[in-house]
N, C-alpha and C. Protein backbone atom coordinates (compact mmCIF):
# COMPACT_ATOMS: atom_id res chain seq x y z
N MET A 1 7.89 7.30 -51.52
CA MET A 1 7.17 7.44 -50.28
C MET A 1 6.98 6.06 -49.67
N LYS A 2 7.37 5.92 -48.42
CA LYS A 2 7.21 4.64 -47.74
C LYS A 2 5.79 4.51 -47.21
N ILE A 3 5.28 3.32 -47.30
CA ILE A 3 3.96 3.04 -46.75
C ILE A 3 4.16 2.21 -45.50
N LYS A 4 3.52 2.65 -44.42
CA LYS A 4 3.63 1.89 -43.18
C LYS A 4 2.27 1.84 -42.50
N ALA A 5 2.06 0.76 -41.79
CA ALA A 5 0.81 0.59 -41.07
C ALA A 5 0.85 1.41 -39.79
N VAL A 6 -0.29 1.94 -39.43
CA VAL A 6 -0.41 2.70 -38.19
C VAL A 6 -1.03 1.77 -37.16
N PRO A 7 -0.37 1.60 -36.03
CA PRO A 7 -0.94 0.72 -34.99
C PRO A 7 -2.32 1.22 -34.54
N LEU A 8 -3.21 0.29 -34.37
CA LEU A 8 -4.58 0.63 -34.03
C LEU A 8 -4.69 1.37 -32.70
N ASP A 9 -3.78 1.08 -31.78
CA ASP A 9 -3.86 1.74 -30.47
C ASP A 9 -3.59 3.24 -30.56
N LYS A 10 -2.96 3.70 -31.63
CA LYS A 10 -2.74 5.14 -31.79
C LYS A 10 -4.05 5.88 -32.04
N PHE A 11 -5.06 5.17 -32.53
CA PHE A 11 -6.36 5.81 -32.75
C PHE A 11 -7.11 6.05 -31.45
N PHE A 12 -6.63 5.49 -30.36
CA PHE A 12 -7.25 5.72 -29.06
C PHE A 12 -6.61 6.90 -28.34
N LYS A 13 -5.92 7.73 -29.08
CA LYS A 13 -5.27 8.92 -28.54
C LYS A 13 -6.29 9.76 -27.78
N ASN A 14 -5.89 10.38 -26.72
CA ASN A 14 -6.73 11.26 -25.90
C ASN A 14 -7.91 10.55 -25.26
N LYS A 15 -7.81 9.22 -25.14
CA LYS A 15 -8.86 8.42 -24.50
C LYS A 15 -10.23 8.61 -25.15
N GLU A 16 -10.24 8.90 -26.41
CA GLU A 16 -11.48 9.02 -27.16
C GLU A 16 -11.80 7.68 -27.81
N SER A 17 -12.96 7.58 -28.40
CA SER A 17 -13.29 6.34 -29.09
C SER A 17 -12.57 6.31 -30.44
N ILE A 18 -12.32 5.12 -30.90
CA ILE A 18 -11.61 4.96 -32.17
C ILE A 18 -12.47 5.54 -33.30
N TYR A 19 -13.76 5.34 -33.24
CA TYR A 19 -14.66 5.86 -34.27
C TYR A 19 -14.57 7.38 -34.34
N LYS A 20 -14.59 8.01 -33.19
CA LYS A 20 -14.54 9.47 -33.14
C LYS A 20 -13.23 9.99 -33.73
N ASN A 21 -12.12 9.38 -33.36
CA ASN A 21 -10.83 9.82 -33.88
C ASN A 21 -10.71 9.60 -35.39
N ILE A 22 -11.23 8.50 -35.89
CA ILE A 22 -11.20 8.26 -37.33
C ILE A 22 -12.07 9.29 -38.05
N MET A 23 -13.20 9.63 -37.48
CA MET A 23 -14.06 10.65 -38.09
C MET A 23 -13.38 12.02 -38.09
N ILE A 24 -12.66 12.34 -37.04
CA ILE A 24 -11.93 13.61 -36.98
C ILE A 24 -10.85 13.65 -38.05
N VAL A 25 -10.11 12.55 -38.20
CA VAL A 25 -9.06 12.49 -39.22
C VAL A 25 -9.65 12.60 -40.62
N SER A 26 -10.76 11.91 -40.86
CA SER A 26 -11.35 11.96 -42.20
C SER A 26 -11.91 13.34 -42.52
N LYS A 27 -12.49 14.01 -41.54
CA LYS A 27 -13.01 15.36 -41.76
C LYS A 27 -11.86 16.32 -42.07
N ARG A 28 -10.77 16.20 -41.33
CA ARG A 28 -9.61 17.05 -41.57
C ARG A 28 -9.00 16.77 -42.94
N ALA A 29 -8.94 15.51 -43.35
CA ALA A 29 -8.42 15.16 -44.67
C ALA A 29 -9.27 15.80 -45.76
N ARG A 30 -10.59 15.80 -45.58
CA ARG A 30 -11.48 16.46 -46.55
C ARG A 30 -11.23 17.96 -46.61
N GLN A 31 -10.94 18.58 -45.46
CA GLN A 31 -10.62 20.01 -45.45
C GLN A 31 -9.33 20.28 -46.23
N ILE A 32 -8.35 19.44 -46.07
CA ILE A 32 -7.08 19.60 -46.78
C ILE A 32 -7.31 19.46 -48.29
N ILE A 33 -8.08 18.46 -48.69
CA ILE A 33 -8.39 18.26 -50.11
C ILE A 33 -9.13 19.46 -50.66
N SER A 34 -10.07 19.98 -49.91
CA SER A 34 -10.85 21.14 -50.35
C SER A 34 -9.97 22.36 -50.54
N SER A 35 -9.05 22.60 -49.62
CA SER A 35 -8.17 23.76 -49.76
C SER A 35 -7.23 23.61 -50.95
N ARG A 36 -6.77 22.39 -51.21
CA ARG A 36 -5.93 22.15 -52.39
C ARG A 36 -6.73 22.39 -53.67
N TYR A 37 -7.97 21.94 -53.68
CA TYR A 37 -8.81 22.13 -54.86
C TYR A 37 -9.05 23.61 -55.13
N GLU A 38 -9.28 24.38 -54.06
CA GLU A 38 -9.51 25.82 -54.23
C GLU A 38 -8.30 26.51 -54.84
N LYS A 39 -7.11 26.10 -54.44
CA LYS A 39 -5.88 26.67 -55.01
C LYS A 39 -5.78 26.36 -56.50
N ILE A 40 -6.09 25.13 -56.86
CA ILE A 40 -6.02 24.74 -58.26
C ILE A 40 -7.11 25.44 -59.06
N ALA A 41 -8.30 25.56 -58.51
CA ALA A 41 -9.39 26.23 -59.21
C ALA A 41 -9.07 27.71 -59.44
N ALA A 42 -8.40 28.33 -58.48
CA ALA A 42 -8.03 29.74 -58.63
C ALA A 42 -7.00 29.93 -59.75
N LEU A 43 -6.21 28.91 -59.98
CA LEU A 43 -5.18 28.99 -61.02
C LEU A 43 -5.65 28.44 -62.37
N SER A 44 -6.92 28.08 -62.47
CA SER A 44 -7.41 27.46 -63.69
C SER A 44 -7.48 28.42 -64.88
N ASN A 45 -7.37 29.70 -64.65
CA ASN A 45 -7.43 30.67 -65.73
C ASN A 45 -6.07 30.94 -66.35
N ILE A 46 -5.09 30.15 -65.99
CA ILE A 46 -3.74 30.33 -66.52
C ILE A 46 -3.72 29.87 -67.98
N GLU A 47 -3.15 30.70 -68.84
CA GLU A 47 -3.11 30.37 -70.26
C GLU A 47 -1.76 29.82 -70.68
N ASP A 48 -0.74 29.99 -69.88
CA ASP A 48 0.61 29.54 -70.22
C ASP A 48 0.76 28.07 -69.83
N SER A 49 1.11 27.22 -70.76
CA SER A 49 1.20 25.79 -70.49
C SER A 49 2.35 25.45 -69.54
N ASP A 50 3.39 26.25 -69.50
CA ASP A 50 4.50 26.00 -68.57
C ASP A 50 4.03 26.11 -67.12
N ASP A 51 3.17 27.07 -66.85
CA ASP A 51 2.65 27.23 -65.50
C ASP A 51 1.77 26.04 -65.10
N ILE A 52 1.02 25.52 -66.05
CA ILE A 52 0.16 24.36 -65.76
C ILE A 52 1.01 23.14 -65.42
N VAL A 53 2.08 22.93 -66.16
CA VAL A 53 2.97 21.80 -65.89
C VAL A 53 3.59 21.93 -64.50
N GLU A 54 3.97 23.14 -64.14
CA GLU A 54 4.55 23.38 -62.82
C GLU A 54 3.55 23.06 -61.71
N ILE A 55 2.31 23.44 -61.90
CA ILE A 55 1.25 23.17 -60.91
C ILE A 55 1.04 21.67 -60.78
N GLN A 56 1.02 20.95 -61.90
CA GLN A 56 0.81 19.51 -61.87
C GLN A 56 1.96 18.81 -61.16
N GLU A 57 3.18 19.27 -61.36
CA GLU A 57 4.32 18.67 -60.68
C GLU A 57 4.24 18.89 -59.17
N GLN A 58 3.77 20.06 -58.75
CA GLN A 58 3.63 20.33 -57.32
C GLN A 58 2.59 19.40 -56.71
N ASP A 59 1.51 19.14 -57.43
CA ASP A 59 0.45 18.27 -56.92
C ASP A 59 0.95 16.84 -56.70
N LEU A 60 1.81 16.37 -57.56
CA LEU A 60 2.31 15.00 -57.44
C LEU A 60 3.25 14.84 -56.25
N ASP A 61 3.92 15.89 -55.85
CA ASP A 61 4.89 15.81 -54.78
C ASP A 61 4.29 16.00 -53.39
N GLN A 62 3.01 16.29 -53.30
CA GLN A 62 2.39 16.56 -52.01
C GLN A 62 2.12 15.25 -51.25
N GLU A 63 2.22 15.37 -49.93
CA GLU A 63 1.89 14.24 -49.07
C GLU A 63 0.38 14.02 -49.10
N LYS A 64 -0.03 12.80 -48.92
CA LYS A 64 -1.45 12.46 -48.93
C LYS A 64 -2.17 13.17 -47.79
N SER A 65 -3.37 13.63 -48.08
CA SER A 65 -4.13 14.40 -47.09
C SER A 65 -4.45 13.57 -45.85
N ILE A 66 -4.70 12.29 -46.01
CA ILE A 66 -5.02 11.45 -44.86
C ILE A 66 -3.79 11.29 -43.96
N SER A 67 -2.60 11.25 -44.56
CA SER A 67 -1.37 11.15 -43.76
C SER A 67 -1.14 12.43 -42.96
N ILE A 68 -1.38 13.56 -43.59
CA ILE A 68 -1.23 14.84 -42.90
C ILE A 68 -2.21 14.93 -41.73
N ALA A 69 -3.47 14.56 -41.98
CA ALA A 69 -4.49 14.63 -40.94
C ALA A 69 -4.17 13.68 -39.79
N MET A 70 -3.68 12.49 -40.11
CA MET A 70 -3.31 11.52 -39.08
C MET A 70 -2.17 12.06 -38.21
N ASP A 71 -1.16 12.62 -38.85
CA ASP A 71 -0.05 13.19 -38.09
C ASP A 71 -0.51 14.33 -37.20
N GLU A 72 -1.42 15.16 -37.70
CA GLU A 72 -1.94 16.27 -36.90
C GLU A 72 -2.69 15.75 -35.67
N LEU A 73 -3.46 14.68 -35.83
CA LEU A 73 -4.18 14.11 -34.70
C LEU A 73 -3.21 13.53 -33.68
N LEU A 74 -2.24 12.76 -34.16
CA LEU A 74 -1.30 12.11 -33.24
C LEU A 74 -0.39 13.10 -32.53
N ASN A 75 -0.17 14.28 -33.14
CA ASN A 75 0.67 15.30 -32.53
C ASN A 75 -0.15 16.36 -31.78
N ASN A 76 -1.43 16.08 -31.57
CA ASN A 76 -2.34 16.99 -30.86
C ASN A 76 -2.40 18.37 -31.48
N GLU A 77 -2.41 18.45 -32.80
CA GLU A 77 -2.46 19.72 -33.50
C GLU A 77 -3.88 20.07 -33.96
N LEU A 78 -4.83 19.19 -33.73
CA LEU A 78 -6.20 19.43 -34.18
C LEU A 78 -7.06 19.89 -33.02
N GLU A 79 -7.93 20.84 -33.32
CA GLU A 79 -8.91 21.28 -32.34
C GLU A 79 -10.28 20.89 -32.87
N TYR A 80 -11.12 20.38 -31.98
CA TYR A 80 -12.46 19.98 -32.40
C TYR A 80 -13.41 20.11 -31.22
N ARG A 81 -14.69 20.18 -31.55
CA ARG A 81 -15.74 20.25 -30.53
C ARG A 81 -16.73 19.14 -30.78
N ASP A 82 -17.33 18.66 -29.73
CA ASP A 82 -18.39 17.68 -29.85
C ASP A 82 -19.69 18.39 -30.18
N ILE A 83 -20.47 17.83 -31.05
CA ILE A 83 -21.78 18.41 -31.38
C ILE A 83 -22.69 18.33 -30.17
N ASP A 84 -22.57 17.26 -29.39
CA ASP A 84 -23.39 17.11 -28.19
C ASP A 84 -23.14 18.25 -27.21
N ASP A 85 -21.89 18.69 -27.07
CA ASP A 85 -21.57 19.80 -26.17
C ASP A 85 -22.22 21.09 -26.66
N GLU A 86 -22.26 21.30 -27.96
CA GLU A 86 -22.86 22.52 -28.51
C GLU A 86 -24.37 22.53 -28.29
N THR A 87 -25.03 21.40 -28.45
CA THR A 87 -26.48 21.35 -28.26
C THR A 87 -26.83 21.54 -26.79
N LYS A 88 -26.00 21.04 -25.88
CA LYS A 88 -26.24 21.26 -24.46
C LYS A 88 -26.12 22.73 -24.10
N ASP A 89 -25.14 23.41 -24.71
CA ASP A 89 -24.98 24.84 -24.47
C ASP A 89 -26.17 25.62 -24.98
N ASP A 90 -26.70 25.23 -26.13
CA ASP A 90 -27.86 25.91 -26.70
C ASP A 90 -29.10 25.71 -25.83
N GLU A 91 -29.25 24.56 -25.23
CA GLU A 91 -30.41 24.27 -24.39
C GLU A 91 -30.38 25.06 -23.10
N THR A 92 -29.20 25.37 -22.58
CA THR A 92 -29.10 26.08 -21.31
C THR A 92 -29.31 27.58 -21.48
N ASP A 93 -29.19 28.08 -22.70
CA ASP A 93 -29.36 29.53 -22.93
C ASP A 93 -30.79 29.97 -22.88
């Protein structure tokens, strides 16, 4: 796997703040990690050692969650809402 630096200006995608975009990427990366963990936890009752080795090999070949989340942000594949927008909606009701 090649490691490459991501230009800082890419974090200004969609004219948002860099902090906000980094927080979005980190939250998405945590979601990816959580879903991977749930899959492994569901398979933890496997008694056959061959199946466990196969699962471990699949885990090693996966792309890093932060890389996936970054690509999703840069390709406009993520949907998100501002908390401030939600609180304003609640106040108007």
